[in-house]
Amino acid sequence: MAWEKFNPNLAAHDLVQDMKWDPKLREEFKRDEAAVLDRYAMMPEERRAIEARDFRTLYDLGMHPYLGGQLSRFIWGNDAGKGAIEASNKLVASLQGHSRDIPDS
């Protein structure tokens, strides 16, 4: 990701930071992602990218790489071992343009 694309104002950054510190929010995100996303003033393409698991688009919109990696772990698994590896593999696949081929866990 080129740093000139970094957009500190993306609402997705706030989402990730909030989930990072709030285990209840992470659980709610797993149960009802749409309800959690509704709380954040996201650009339509930003929200669509999260829903589609399209991290390439998120990075093109200016997602910070560290926070994108954290978001992938919240979506695909945050535990040590298999969950973290699966999240990393799916993040890389999405960045390579294979997000439609990546089933949710």
N, C-alpha and C. Protein backbone atom coordinates (compact mmCIF):
# COMPACT_ATOMS: atom_id res chain seq x y z
N MET A 1 0.84 -1.18 0.00
CA MET A 1 0.00 0.00 0.00
C MET A 1 0.88 1.24 0.00
N ALA A 2 0.58 2.15 -0.87
CA ALA A 2 1.33 3.40 -0.90
C ALA A 2 0.80 4.32 0.19
N TRP A 3 1.71 4.91 0.92
CA TRP A 3 1.30 5.78 2.03
C TRP A 3 0.55 7.00 1.55
N GLU A 4 0.76 7.41 0.29
CA GLU A 4 0.01 8.57 -0.19
C GLU A 4 -1.49 8.29 -0.29
N LYS A 5 -1.88 7.02 -0.24
CA LYS A 5 -3.30 6.66 -0.25
C LYS A 5 -3.89 6.60 1.16
N PHE A 6 -3.07 6.58 2.19
CA PHE A 6 -3.58 6.45 3.55
C PHE A 6 -4.58 7.55 3.86
N ASN A 7 -5.75 7.15 4.35
CA ASN A 7 -6.81 8.09 4.70
C ASN A 7 -7.16 7.91 6.17
N PRO A 8 -6.66 8.76 7.05
CA PRO A 8 -6.91 8.59 8.48
C PRO A 8 -8.38 8.80 8.86
N ASN A 9 -9.19 9.30 7.92
CA ASN A 9 -10.58 9.59 8.22
C ASN A 9 -11.55 8.45 7.90
N LEU A 10 -11.04 7.31 7.44
CA LEU A 10 -11.95 6.19 7.17
C LEU A 10 -12.63 5.74 8.46
N ALA A 11 -13.93 5.56 8.39
CA ALA A 11 -14.68 5.08 9.55
C ALA A 11 -14.28 3.65 9.91
N ALA A 12 -13.78 2.91 8.95
CA ALA A 12 -13.33 1.53 9.22
C ALA A 12 -12.20 1.52 10.25
N HIS A 13 -11.39 2.56 10.27
CA HIS A 13 -10.33 2.64 11.29
C HIS A 13 -10.95 2.70 12.68
N ASP A 14 -12.00 3.50 12.83
CA ASP A 14 -12.67 3.60 14.12
C ASP A 14 -13.31 2.26 14.50
N LEU A 15 -13.92 1.61 13.53
CA LEU A 15 -14.52 0.29 13.76
C LEU A 15 -13.49 -0.68 14.32
N VAL A 16 -12.34 -0.76 13.68
CA VAL A 16 -11.31 -1.71 14.12
C VAL A 16 -10.79 -1.34 15.50
N GLN A 17 -10.54 -0.07 15.73
CA GLN A 17 -10.04 0.34 17.05
C GLN A 17 -11.07 0.03 18.13
N ASP A 18 -12.34 0.28 17.84
CA ASP A 18 -13.39 -0.01 18.82
C ASP A 18 -13.47 -1.51 19.10
N MET A 19 -13.40 -2.32 18.05
CA MET A 19 -13.47 -3.77 18.25
C MET A 19 -12.23 -4.28 18.98
N LYS A 20 -11.12 -3.64 18.75
CA LYS A 20 -9.87 -4.04 19.41
C LYS A 20 -10.00 -3.96 20.93
N TRP A 21 -10.71 -2.96 21.42
CA TRP A 21 -10.79 -2.73 22.86
C TRP A 21 -12.09 -3.20 23.49
N ASP A 22 -13.05 -3.65 22.68
CA ASP A 22 -14.37 -3.99 23.21
C ASP A 22 -14.78 -5.40 22.80
N PRO A 23 -14.57 -6.38 23.68
CA PRO A 23 -14.92 -7.76 23.33
C PRO A 23 -16.41 -7.94 23.03
N LYS A 24 -17.25 -7.16 23.69
CA LYS A 24 -18.70 -7.26 23.42
C LYS A 24 -19.02 -6.81 22.00
N LEU A 25 -18.33 -5.78 21.54
CA LEU A 25 -18.54 -5.32 20.17
C LEU A 25 -18.07 -6.37 19.16
N ARG A 26 -16.96 -7.03 19.45
CA ARG A 26 -16.48 -8.10 18.56
C ARG A 26 -17.51 -9.22 18.47
N GLU A 27 -18.08 -9.60 19.60
CA GLU A 27 -19.10 -10.65 19.60
C GLU A 27 -20.33 -10.21 18.83
N GLU A 28 -20.75 -8.97 19.02
CA GLU A 28 -21.90 -8.46 18.29
C GLU A 28 -21.61 -8.43 16.79
N PHE A 29 -20.40 -8.06 16.41
CA PHE A 29 -20.01 -8.03 15.01
C PHE A 29 -20.16 -9.42 14.39
N LYS A 30 -19.80 -10.45 15.14
CA LYS A 30 -19.94 -11.83 14.64
C LYS A 30 -21.40 -12.20 14.47
N ARG A 31 -22.25 -11.75 15.39
CA ARG A 31 -23.68 -12.09 15.35
C ARG A 31 -24.47 -11.27 14.35
N ASP A 32 -24.19 -9.96 14.30
CA ASP A 32 -24.98 -9.05 13.48
C ASP A 32 -24.09 -7.94 12.92
N GLU A 33 -23.31 -8.32 11.96
CA GLU A 33 -22.34 -7.39 11.38
C GLU A 33 -23.01 -6.12 10.87
N ALA A 34 -24.13 -6.26 10.19
CA ALA A 34 -24.81 -5.09 9.61
C ALA A 34 -25.18 -4.08 10.68
N ALA A 35 -25.67 -4.54 11.82
CA ALA A 35 -26.05 -3.62 12.89
C ALA A 35 -24.85 -2.85 13.41
N VAL A 36 -23.71 -3.51 13.50
CA VAL A 36 -22.50 -2.82 13.96
C VAL A 36 -22.05 -1.82 12.90
N LEU A 37 -22.02 -2.23 11.64
CA LEU A 37 -21.59 -1.32 10.58
C LEU A 37 -22.50 -0.10 10.47
N ASP A 38 -23.79 -0.27 10.80
CA ASP A 38 -24.73 0.85 10.74
C ASP A 38 -24.33 1.99 11.67
N ARG A 39 -23.56 1.72 12.69
CA ARG A 39 -23.17 2.74 13.68
C ARG A 39 -22.05 3.65 13.19
N TYR A 40 -21.43 3.29 12.10
CA TYR A 40 -20.26 4.02 11.62
C TYR A 40 -20.59 4.75 10.32
N ALA A 41 -20.16 5.99 10.22
CA ALA A 41 -20.43 6.82 9.05
C ALA A 41 -19.45 6.48 7.93
N MET A 42 -19.68 5.33 7.33
CA MET A 42 -18.79 4.86 6.27
C MET A 42 -19.25 5.36 4.90
N MET A 43 -18.28 5.53 4.04
CA MET A 43 -18.62 5.76 2.64
C MET A 43 -19.24 4.47 2.12
N PRO A 44 -20.17 4.56 1.18
CA PRO A 44 -20.80 3.34 0.67
C PRO A 44 -19.80 2.30 0.17
N GLU A 45 -18.76 2.74 -0.54
CA GLU A 45 -17.78 1.78 -1.07
C GLU A 45 -16.94 1.16 0.05
N GLU A 46 -16.75 1.90 1.12
CA GLU A 46 -16.02 1.38 2.28
C GLU A 46 -16.81 0.24 2.93
N ARG A 47 -18.09 0.48 3.14
CA ARG A 47 -18.94 -0.56 3.74
C ARG A 47 -19.06 -1.77 2.82
N ARG A 48 -19.27 -1.52 1.52
CA ARG A 48 -19.37 -2.65 0.58
C ARG A 48 -18.10 -3.48 0.59
N ALA A 49 -16.96 -2.83 0.70
CA ALA A 49 -15.69 -3.56 0.71
C ALA A 49 -15.60 -4.45 1.95
N ILE A 50 -16.04 -3.96 3.10
CA ILE A 50 -16.02 -4.79 4.31
C ILE A 50 -16.97 -5.97 4.14
N GLU A 51 -18.17 -5.69 3.67
CA GLU A 51 -19.16 -6.76 3.50
C GLU A 51 -18.70 -7.80 2.49
N ALA A 52 -17.99 -7.36 1.45
CA ALA A 52 -17.51 -8.27 0.41
C ALA A 52 -16.16 -8.90 0.75
N ARG A 53 -15.58 -8.47 1.89
CA ARG A 53 -14.26 -8.96 2.30
C ARG A 53 -13.22 -8.60 1.25
N ASP A 54 -13.36 -7.40 0.69
CA ASP A 54 -12.50 -6.91 -0.38
C ASP A 54 -11.47 -5.95 0.22
N PHE A 55 -10.38 -6.53 0.71
CA PHE A 55 -9.37 -5.72 1.38
C PHE A 55 -8.56 -4.89 0.39
N ARG A 56 -8.48 -5.32 -0.83
CA ARG A 56 -7.78 -4.52 -1.85
C ARG A 56 -8.47 -3.16 -1.99
N THR A 57 -9.80 -3.18 -2.06
CA THR A 57 -10.54 -1.93 -2.16
C THR A 57 -10.36 -1.10 -0.89
N LEU A 58 -10.41 -1.76 0.27
CA LEU A 58 -10.20 -1.02 1.52
C LEU A 58 -8.83 -0.32 1.52
N TYR A 59 -7.80 -1.02 1.07
CA TYR A 59 -6.47 -0.40 1.03
C TYR A 59 -6.43 0.71 -0.02
N ASP A 60 -7.12 0.51 -1.15
CA ASP A 60 -7.17 1.56 -2.16
C ASP A 60 -7.89 2.80 -1.64
N LEU A 61 -8.85 2.60 -0.74
CA LEU A 61 -9.56 3.72 -0.13
C LEU A 61 -8.74 4.41 0.96
N GLY A 62 -7.67 3.75 1.41
CA GLY A 62 -6.79 4.36 2.39
C GLY A 62 -6.71 3.66 3.73
N MET A 63 -7.13 2.39 3.77
CA MET A 63 -7.06 1.64 5.03
C MET A 63 -5.60 1.46 5.46
N HIS A 64 -5.35 1.68 6.73
CA HIS A 64 -4.00 1.46 7.27
C HIS A 64 -3.73 -0.04 7.26
N PRO A 65 -2.56 -0.48 6.79
CA PRO A 65 -2.29 -1.92 6.67
C PRO A 65 -2.39 -2.66 8.00
N TYR A 66 -1.94 -2.05 9.07
CA TYR A 66 -2.02 -2.71 10.37
C TYR A 66 -3.47 -2.94 10.77
N LEU A 67 -4.31 -1.93 10.58
CA LEU A 67 -5.71 -2.06 10.95
C LEU A 67 -6.45 -3.00 10.01
N GLY A 68 -6.04 -3.04 8.75
CA GLY A 68 -6.63 -4.01 7.82
C GLY A 68 -6.34 -5.43 8.26
N GLY A 69 -5.12 -5.68 8.70
CA GLY A 69 -4.77 -7.01 9.21
C GLY A 69 -5.59 -7.36 10.45
N GLN A 70 -5.81 -6.38 11.31
CA GLN A 70 -6.62 -6.65 12.49
C GLN A 70 -8.06 -6.94 12.10
N LEU A 71 -8.60 -6.18 11.15
CA LEU A 71 -9.97 -6.42 10.70
C LEU A 71 -10.10 -7.83 10.13
N SER A 72 -9.11 -8.27 9.39
CA SER A 72 -9.18 -9.63 8.83
C SER A 72 -9.25 -10.67 9.94
N ARG A 73 -8.53 -10.45 11.02
CA ARG A 73 -8.58 -11.41 12.13
C ARG A 73 -9.92 -11.37 12.85
N PHE A 74 -10.53 -10.19 12.95
CA PHE A 74 -11.87 -10.12 13.55
C PHE A 74 -12.90 -10.84 12.69
N ILE A 75 -12.72 -10.78 11.38
CA ILE A 75 -13.67 -11.42 10.46
C ILE A 75 -13.44 -12.92 10.38
N TRP A 76 -12.19 -13.34 10.23
CA TRP A 76 -11.91 -14.74 9.90
C TRP A 76 -11.28 -15.55 11.03
N GLY A 77 -11.06 -14.96 12.15
CA GLY A 77 -10.49 -15.74 13.25
C GLY A 77 -9.38 -15.00 13.94
N ASN A 78 -9.46 -14.90 15.24
CA ASN A 78 -8.48 -14.12 15.98
C ASN A 78 -7.70 -14.96 16.97
N ASP A 79 -7.95 -16.24 17.00
CA ASP A 79 -7.23 -17.08 17.95
C ASP A 79 -5.83 -17.40 17.44
N ALA A 80 -4.96 -17.76 18.32
CA ALA A 80 -3.62 -18.16 17.91
C ALA A 80 -3.72 -19.46 17.12
N GLY A 81 -2.83 -19.66 16.20
CA GLY A 81 -2.83 -20.90 15.44
C GLY A 81 -3.70 -20.80 14.20
N LYS A 82 -4.56 -21.79 14.01
CA LYS A 82 -5.33 -21.93 12.77
C LYS A 82 -6.13 -20.68 12.43
N GLY A 83 -6.82 -20.08 13.40
CA GLY A 83 -7.64 -18.91 13.11
C GLY A 83 -6.83 -17.75 12.57
N ALA A 84 -5.68 -17.49 13.16
CA ALA A 84 -4.84 -16.39 12.72
C ALA A 84 -4.24 -16.69 11.35
N ILE A 85 -3.86 -17.92 11.12
CA ILE A 85 -3.30 -18.31 9.81
C ILE A 85 -4.37 -18.19 8.73
N GLU A 86 -5.57 -18.68 9.03
CA GLU A 86 -6.67 -18.59 8.08
C GLU A 86 -6.97 -17.13 7.74
N ALA A 87 -7.00 -16.27 8.74
CA ALA A 87 -7.26 -14.85 8.51
C ALA A 87 -6.18 -14.24 7.62
N SER A 88 -4.92 -14.58 7.87
CA SER A 88 -3.82 -14.05 7.07
C SER A 88 -3.92 -14.53 5.62
N ASN A 89 -4.20 -15.80 5.44
CA ASN A 89 -4.32 -16.36 4.09
C ASN A 89 -5.47 -15.71 3.31
N LYS A 90 -6.59 -15.48 3.98
CA LYS A 90 -7.73 -14.86 3.31
C LYS A 90 -7.47 -13.39 3.01
N LEU A 91 -6.77 -12.71 3.90
CA LEU A 91 -6.39 -11.33 3.65
C LEU A 91 -5.52 -11.25 2.39
N VAL A 92 -4.53 -12.09 2.30
CA VAL A 92 -3.63 -12.09 1.13
C VAL A 92 -4.42 -12.43 -0.13
N ALA A 93 -5.30 -13.40 -0.06
CA ALA A 93 -6.11 -13.76 -1.23
C ALA A 93 -6.97 -12.59 -1.68
N SER A 94 -7.55 -11.87 -0.72
CA SER A 94 -8.36 -10.71 -1.06
C SER A 94 -7.52 -9.63 -1.73
N LEU A 95 -6.34 -9.40 -1.21
CA LEU A 95 -5.46 -8.39 -1.80
C LEU A 95 -5.04 -8.77 -3.21
N GLN A 96 -5.00 -10.06 -3.49
CA GLN A 96 -4.64 -10.53 -4.82
C GLN A 96 -5.84 -10.58 -5.76
N GLY A 97 -7.00 -10.16 -5.27
CA GLY A 97 -8.18 -10.12 -6.12
C GLY A 97 -9.02 -11.37 -6.12
N HIS A 98 -8.82 -12.23 -5.14
CA HIS A 98 -9.56 -13.50 -5.07
C HIS A 98 -10.65 -13.48 -4.02
N SER A 99 -11.15 -12.30 -3.63
CA SER A 99 -12.08 -12.22 -2.50
C SER A 99 -13.39 -12.95 -2.77
N ARG A 100 -13.81 -13.06 -4.00
CA ARG A 100 -15.06 -13.76 -4.29
C ARG A 100 -14.92 -15.26 -4.06
N ASP A 101 -13.71 -15.76 -4.06
CA ASP A 101 -13.47 -17.18 -3.89
C ASP A 101 -13.26 -17.57 -2.44
N ILE A 102 -13.40 -16.62 -1.52
CA ILE A 102 -13.05 -16.86 -0.12
C ILE A 102 -14.34 -17.00 0.68
N PRO A 103 -14.71 -18.22 1.05
CA PRO A 103 -15.91 -18.37 1.87
C PRO A 103 -15.66 -17.86 3.27
N ASP A 104 -16.71 -17.29 3.88
CA ASP A 104 -16.62 -16.89 5.30
C ASP A 104 -16.58 -18.11 6.16
N SER A 105 -15.88 -18.00 7.28
CA SER A 105 -15.84 -19.10 8.24
C SER A 105 -17.03 -19.06 9.13
